[in-house]
N, C-alpha and C. Protein backbone atom coordinates (compact mmCIF):
# COMPACT_ATOMS: atom_id res chain seq x y z
N GLN A 1 9.42 -19.55 -2.56
CA GLN A 1 9.94 -17.75 -3.10
C GLN A 1 11.37 -17.23 -2.99
N VAL A 2 11.90 -17.09 -4.56
CA VAL A 2 13.45 -16.84 -4.47
C VAL A 2 13.35 -15.06 -4.48
N GLN A 3 14.31 -14.45 -3.90
CA GLN A 3 14.04 -13.33 -3.94
C GLN A 3 15.80 -12.93 -4.60
N LEU A 4 16.32 -11.96 -5.18
CA LEU A 4 17.61 -11.20 -5.25
C LEU A 4 17.48 -9.77 -4.94
N VAL A 5 18.14 -9.17 -3.40
CA VAL A 5 17.97 -7.83 -3.28
C VAL A 5 19.61 -7.52 -3.60
N GLU A 6 19.92 -6.24 -4.66
CA GLU A 6 21.20 -5.43 -4.79
C GLU A 6 21.11 -4.49 -3.71
N SER A 7 22.78 -4.22 -4.01
CA SER A 7 22.97 -2.92 -2.96
C SER A 7 24.62 -2.70 -3.97
N GLY A 8 24.81 -1.35 -2.86
CA GLY A 8 25.94 -0.43 -3.16
C GLY A 8 26.00 0.11 -4.42
N GLY A 9 25.11 0.25 -5.13
CA GLY A 9 24.97 1.96 -6.12
C GLY A 9 25.11 2.93 -5.33
N GLY A 10 25.20 3.47 -6.60
CA GLY A 10 25.51 4.96 -5.89
C GLY A 10 26.09 5.82 -7.09
N LEU A 11 26.11 7.55 -6.83
CA LEU A 11 27.03 8.01 -7.81
C LEU A 11 28.51 8.34 -7.50
N VAL A 12 29.06 8.35 -8.50
CA VAL A 12 30.58 8.35 -8.45
C VAL A 12 31.30 9.03 -9.30
N GLN A 13 32.75 9.59 -9.16
CA GLN A 13 32.89 10.67 -10.49
C GLN A 13 33.58 9.74 -10.86
N ALA A 14 33.91 10.16 -13.07
CA ALA A 14 34.92 9.42 -13.49
C ALA A 14 35.74 8.89 -13.03
N GLY A 15 36.21 7.70 -13.69
CA GLY A 15 37.92 7.14 -12.34
C GLY A 15 37.55 6.15 -11.01
N GLY A 16 36.49 6.42 -10.66
CA GLY A 16 36.25 6.13 -9.39
C GLY A 16 35.80 4.29 -9.22
N SER A 17 35.36 3.88 -8.16
CA SER A 17 34.84 2.46 -8.04
C SER A 17 33.39 2.12 -7.00
N LEU A 18 33.21 1.17 -7.45
CA LEU A 18 31.73 0.79 -6.86
C LEU A 18 31.74 -0.58 -6.66
N ARG A 19 31.09 -1.16 -6.16
CA ARG A 19 30.95 -3.43 -5.44
C ARG A 19 29.80 -3.02 -5.60
N LEU A 20 28.86 -3.61 -5.96
CA LEU A 20 27.56 -3.62 -6.12
C LEU A 20 27.57 -5.40 -5.48
N SER A 21 26.74 -5.89 -4.83
CA SER A 21 26.21 -6.92 -3.99
C SER A 21 25.07 -7.35 -4.33
N CYS A 22 24.73 -8.55 -4.59
CA CYS A 22 23.08 -9.17 -4.51
C CYS A 22 23.34 -10.44 -3.49
N ALA A 23 22.27 -9.91 -2.66
CA ALA A 23 21.95 -11.04 -1.88
C ALA A 23 20.93 -12.06 -2.52
N ALA A 24 20.64 -13.63 -2.11
CA ALA A 24 20.18 -14.50 -3.06
C ALA A 24 19.16 -14.92 -1.16
N SER A 25 17.96 -15.40 -1.61
CA SER A 25 16.91 -15.54 -0.32
C SER A 25 17.39 -17.36 -0.51
N VAL A 26 17.85 -17.25 -0.74
CA VAL A 26 18.18 -19.04 -1.03
C VAL A 26 19.37 -19.36 -1.43
N SER A 27 19.88 -20.39 -1.47
CA SER A 27 21.04 -21.45 -1.61
C SER A 27 21.56 -20.97 -3.05
N THR A 28 22.61 -20.05 -3.14
CA THR A 28 22.37 -19.66 -4.64
C THR A 28 23.89 -21.07 -5.55
N THR A 29 23.56 -22.25 -4.65
CA THR A 29 24.48 -23.08 -4.95
C THR A 29 23.31 -23.95 -6.08
N GLY A 30 21.66 -23.39 -5.88
CA GLY A 30 21.35 -24.11 -7.30
C GLY A 30 21.34 -23.46 -8.58
N PHE A 31 22.06 -22.18 -8.50
CA PHE A 31 21.75 -21.32 -9.69
C PHE A 31 22.78 -21.95 -10.61
N HIS A 32 22.20 -22.55 -11.87
CA HIS A 32 23.90 -22.65 -12.66
C HIS A 32 24.47 -21.81 -13.51
N VAL A 33 23.86 -20.31 -13.34
CA VAL A 33 24.99 -19.10 -13.36
C VAL A 33 24.13 -18.09 -12.72
N MET A 34 24.39 -17.10 -12.62
CA MET A 34 24.26 -15.89 -11.61
C MET A 34 25.29 -15.00 -12.90
N ALA A 35 24.29 -13.75 -12.65
CA ALA A 35 24.44 -12.58 -13.44
C ALA A 35 24.67 -11.69 -13.48
N TRP A 36 25.14 -10.37 -13.66
CA TRP A 36 24.96 -8.64 -14.09
C TRP A 36 24.34 -8.37 -15.09
N TYR A 37 23.30 -7.56 -14.83
CA TYR A 37 22.68 -7.19 -16.55
C TYR A 37 22.67 -5.55 -16.38
N ARG A 38 22.80 -4.42 -17.18
CA ARG A 38 22.33 -2.54 -16.72
C ARG A 38 21.60 -2.15 -18.36
N GLN A 39 20.86 -1.95 -17.40
CA GLN A 39 19.95 -1.03 -18.72
C GLN A 39 19.73 1.11 -18.47
N ALA A 40 20.62 1.14 -19.33
CA ALA A 40 20.59 2.78 -19.45
C ALA A 40 19.23 2.92 -19.84
N PRO A 41 19.12 4.68 -19.95
CA PRO A 41 17.78 4.84 -20.37
C PRO A 41 17.87 4.87 -21.68
N GLY A 42 16.38 4.34 -22.12
CA GLY A 42 16.59 4.10 -23.47
C GLY A 42 17.12 3.66 -24.14
N LYS A 43 17.87 2.48 -23.37
CA LYS A 43 18.66 1.04 -24.23
C LYS A 43 18.11 -0.43 -23.98
N GLN A 44 18.54 -1.44 -24.55
CA GLN A 44 17.93 -2.51 -24.50
C GLN A 44 18.90 -2.73 -22.84
N ARG A 45 18.18 -3.97 -22.01
CA ARG A 45 19.38 -4.40 -20.81
C ARG A 45 19.54 -5.26 -21.50
N GLU A 46 21.32 -4.52 -21.01
CA GLU A 46 22.74 -5.65 -21.67
C GLU A 46 23.70 -6.58 -20.47
N LEU A 47 24.21 -7.73 -20.88
CA LEU A 47 24.77 -8.37 -20.30
C LEU A 47 26.06 -7.84 -19.45
N VAL A 48 26.53 -7.81 -18.32
CA VAL A 48 27.63 -7.29 -18.11
C VAL A 48 29.07 -8.21 -17.74
N ALA A 49 28.26 -9.16 -16.92
CA ALA A 49 28.91 -9.90 -16.52
C ALA A 49 28.47 -11.31 -16.08
N SER A 50 28.91 -12.94 -15.94
CA SER A 50 27.67 -13.90 -15.43
C SER A 50 29.02 -14.78 -15.20
N ILE A 51 29.04 -15.54 -14.11
CA ILE A 51 29.30 -16.27 -13.97
C ILE A 51 28.88 -17.79 -13.39
N GLY A 52 28.96 -19.08 -13.91
CA GLY A 52 28.26 -19.88 -13.88
C GLY A 52 28.79 -21.07 -12.60
N SER A 53 27.87 -22.28 -12.45
CA SER A 53 28.69 -22.92 -11.28
C SER A 53 29.70 -23.42 -11.13
N ASP A 54 30.10 -24.15 -12.47
CA ASP A 54 31.44 -24.04 -13.06
C ASP A 54 32.67 -23.34 -12.71
N SER A 55 31.90 -22.03 -12.62
CA SER A 55 32.82 -20.96 -12.29
C SER A 55 33.73 -20.58 -13.63
N ILE A 56 32.72 -20.59 -14.58
CA ILE A 56 33.07 -20.18 -16.11
C ILE A 56 32.40 -19.02 -16.13
N ILE A 57 32.93 -17.46 -16.39
CA ILE A 57 33.01 -16.18 -16.31
C ILE A 57 33.51 -15.38 -17.53
N ASN A 58 31.98 -15.20 -18.04
CA ASN A 58 32.26 -14.14 -18.95
C ASN A 58 31.62 -12.79 -18.89
N TYR A 59 32.43 -11.57 -19.85
CA TYR A 59 32.37 -10.42 -19.39
C TYR A 59 32.22 -9.32 -21.09
N ALA A 60 31.12 -8.39 -20.88
CA ALA A 60 30.87 -8.36 -22.14
C ALA A 60 32.36 -6.92 -22.50
N ASP A 61 32.11 -7.06 -23.70
CA ASP A 61 33.58 -6.37 -24.30
C ASP A 61 33.81 -5.30 -23.43
N SER A 62 33.06 -4.18 -23.49
CA SER A 62 32.94 -2.97 -23.00
C SER A 62 33.24 -2.70 -21.26
N VAL A 63 33.48 -3.92 -20.32
CA VAL A 63 33.55 -3.44 -19.44
C VAL A 63 34.97 -4.40 -18.80
N LYS A 64 35.35 -5.64 -19.84
CA LYS A 64 36.58 -6.74 -19.54
C LYS A 64 37.74 -5.39 -19.13
N GLY A 65 38.83 -6.37 -18.19
CA GLY A 65 39.56 -5.09 -17.76
C GLY A 65 39.57 -4.72 -16.44
N ARG A 66 37.51 -3.79 -16.10
CA ARG A 66 37.52 -2.88 -15.56
C ARG A 66 36.78 -3.41 -14.21
N PHE A 67 35.99 -4.60 -14.68
CA PHE A 67 34.71 -5.23 -13.93
C PHE A 67 35.53 -6.37 -13.48
N THR A 68 35.24 -6.71 -12.49
CA THR A 68 35.02 -8.41 -11.37
C THR A 68 33.99 -8.94 -11.03
N ILE A 69 33.36 -9.84 -11.65
CA ILE A 69 32.21 -10.75 -11.00
C ILE A 69 33.04 -11.72 -10.14
N SER A 70 32.68 -12.25 -9.21
CA SER A 70 32.27 -13.33 -8.15
C SER A 70 31.29 -13.52 -7.30
N ARG A 71 31.91 -14.84 -6.87
CA ARG A 71 30.09 -15.59 -6.38
C ARG A 71 30.71 -16.30 -4.98
N ASP A 72 29.90 -16.24 -4.36
CA ASP A 72 30.43 -16.74 -2.71
C ASP A 72 28.67 -17.29 -2.27
N ASN A 73 28.81 -18.84 -2.79
CA ASN A 73 28.25 -19.45 -2.53
C ASN A 73 27.73 -19.95 -0.94
N ALA A 74 29.07 -19.81 -0.16
CA ALA A 74 28.77 -19.94 1.65
C ALA A 74 27.44 -18.50 1.96
N ARG A 75 28.19 -17.30 1.36
CA ARG A 75 27.04 -16.50 1.60
C ARG A 75 26.16 -16.18 1.08
N ASN A 76 25.67 -16.76 0.11
CA ASN A 76 24.40 -16.62 -1.17
C ASN A 76 24.46 -15.22 -1.99
N THR A 77 25.85 -14.99 -2.04
CA THR A 77 25.54 -13.40 -3.03
C THR A 77 26.82 -14.06 -4.29
N VAL A 78 26.21 -12.75 -4.84
CA VAL A 78 27.42 -12.72 -6.47
C VAL A 78 27.54 -11.26 -5.54
N HIS A 79 28.86 -10.87 -6.41
CA HIS A 79 29.33 -9.35 -6.44
C HIS A 79 30.01 -9.01 -7.41
N LEU A 80 29.78 -7.74 -7.64
CA LEU A 80 30.49 -7.13 -9.13
C LEU A 80 31.06 -5.95 -8.31
N GLN A 81 32.62 -6.03 -9.17
CA GLN A 81 33.66 -4.96 -8.77
C GLN A 81 33.57 -4.14 -9.89
N MET A 82 33.71 -3.09 -9.45
CA MET A 82 33.89 -1.95 -10.89
C MET A 82 34.70 -0.87 -10.38
N ASN A 83 35.52 -0.84 -11.49
CA ASN A 83 36.78 0.08 -11.50
C ASN A 83 36.76 0.56 -12.40
N SER A 84 37.65 1.59 -12.33
CA SER A 84 37.76 2.51 -13.73
C SER A 84 36.62 3.04 -14.47
N LEU A 85 35.67 3.26 -13.52
CA LEU A 85 34.18 3.79 -14.05
C LEU A 85 34.02 5.03 -14.99
N LYS A 86 33.08 4.54 -15.67
CA LYS A 86 32.74 5.46 -16.91
C LYS A 86 31.70 6.49 -17.09
N PRO A 87 31.51 7.58 -17.52
CA PRO A 87 30.25 7.87 -17.89
C PRO A 87 29.14 6.77 -18.17
N GLU A 88 29.89 6.44 -19.45
CA GLU A 88 28.41 5.75 -20.24
C GLU A 88 28.53 3.97 -19.24
N ASP A 89 29.11 4.02 -17.70
CA ASP A 89 28.35 2.60 -17.80
C ASP A 89 27.41 3.17 -16.70
N THR A 90 26.72 4.51 -16.51
CA THR A 90 25.58 4.58 -16.01
C THR A 90 24.21 4.29 -16.28
N ALA A 91 24.01 3.04 -15.34
CA ALA A 91 23.00 2.44 -15.70
C ALA A 91 21.67 2.04 -14.04
N VAL A 92 21.21 1.23 -14.28
CA VAL A 92 20.43 0.83 -13.34
C VAL A 92 20.84 -1.12 -14.02
N TYR A 93 21.74 -1.34 -12.70
CA TYR A 93 22.48 -2.58 -12.67
C TYR A 93 21.72 -3.45 -11.81
N TYR A 94 21.33 -4.37 -12.97
CA TYR A 94 20.28 -5.74 -12.59
C TYR A 94 20.59 -6.79 -12.04
N CYS A 95 20.25 -7.74 -11.30
CA CYS A 95 21.28 -9.20 -10.19
C CYS A 95 20.46 -9.70 -11.17
N HIS A 96 20.54 -11.45 -11.44
CA HIS A 96 20.16 -12.20 -12.27
C HIS A 96 20.96 -13.47 -11.89
N ALA A 97 19.15 -14.90 -11.60
CA ALA A 97 20.12 -15.94 -11.33
C ALA A 97 19.35 -16.77 -12.87
N ALA A 98 19.56 -17.84 -12.69
CA ALA A 98 18.47 -19.14 -13.67
C ALA A 98 19.17 -20.32 -12.91
N HIS A 99 18.37 -21.30 -13.03
CA HIS A 99 18.37 -22.40 -12.89
C HIS A 99 17.32 -23.14 -14.09
N ASP A 100 18.23 -24.12 -14.74
CA ASP A 100 17.10 -24.51 -16.02
C ASP A 100 16.58 -23.12 -16.97
N TYR A 101 15.26 -23.23 -17.26
CA TYR A 101 14.58 -22.31 -17.94
C TYR A 101 13.43 -21.92 -16.81
N THR A 102 14.43 -21.32 -15.65
CA THR A 102 13.64 -20.37 -14.82
C THR A 102 14.72 -19.43 -14.57
N VAL A 103 14.18 -18.26 -14.46
CA VAL A 103 15.17 -17.14 -14.16
C VAL A 103 14.57 -15.98 -13.25
N TRP A 104 15.54 -15.41 -12.38
CA TRP A 104 14.56 -14.67 -11.52
C TRP A 104 15.58 -12.87 -11.32
N TRP A 105 15.11 -12.21 -11.46
CA TRP A 105 15.78 -10.61 -11.30
C TRP A 105 15.25 -9.95 -10.17
N GLY A 106 16.47 -9.50 -9.80
CA GLY A 106 16.19 -7.84 -8.58
C GLY A 106 15.85 -6.82 -9.48
N GLN A 107 15.22 -6.07 -8.16
CA GLN A 107 14.74 -4.64 -8.36
C GLN A 107 15.72 -3.61 -9.48
N GLY A 108 16.98 -4.04 -9.23
CA GLY A 108 17.86 -3.06 -9.43
C GLY A 108 18.58 -1.78 -8.46
N THR A 109 19.45 -1.86 -9.04
CA THR A 109 20.14 -1.09 -8.19
C THR A 109 20.93 0.36 -9.25
N GLN A 110 20.58 1.76 -8.83
CA GLN A 110 21.30 2.68 -9.87
C GLN A 110 22.68 2.86 -9.69
N VAL A 111 23.26 3.07 -11.33
CA VAL A 111 24.48 3.40 -10.66
C VAL A 111 24.77 4.74 -11.54
N THR A 112 25.43 5.94 -11.28
CA THR A 112 25.75 7.28 -12.18
C THR A 112 27.37 7.42 -11.92
N VAL A 113 27.41 7.71 -13.11
CA VAL A 113 29.09 8.16 -13.05
C VAL A 113 29.08 9.71 -14.02
N SER A 114 29.44 10.32 -12.92
CA SER A 114 29.77 11.88 -13.53
C SER A 114 30.78 11.85 -14.08
N SER A 115 30.88 12.83 -14.96
CA SER A 115 32.11 13.09 -15.78
C SER A 115 33.05 14.66 -14.99
């Protein structure tokens, strides 16, 4: 049973920083991709950043230069460092992992950025 548990969300003022963490219950070396998604109220879930087992990284245009994704297979975790946060970054952030055609999701962590 694969479980992904997010932490690190909270309330921050615009311009501030947060670091999200996702801990997996299994070795993350088996996931060919790990990612962070977010969903704001009334909007569709969108990809924020992804990192492959080959270390190839992709970011949504809206977070490029502000967010950094990293993967620590030794600790079975993936992180999302979020700097220069904006009110439009407010959303529930979800950890995502995939292996072949199987995907897993965390329960989500709320990030609220006040103006």
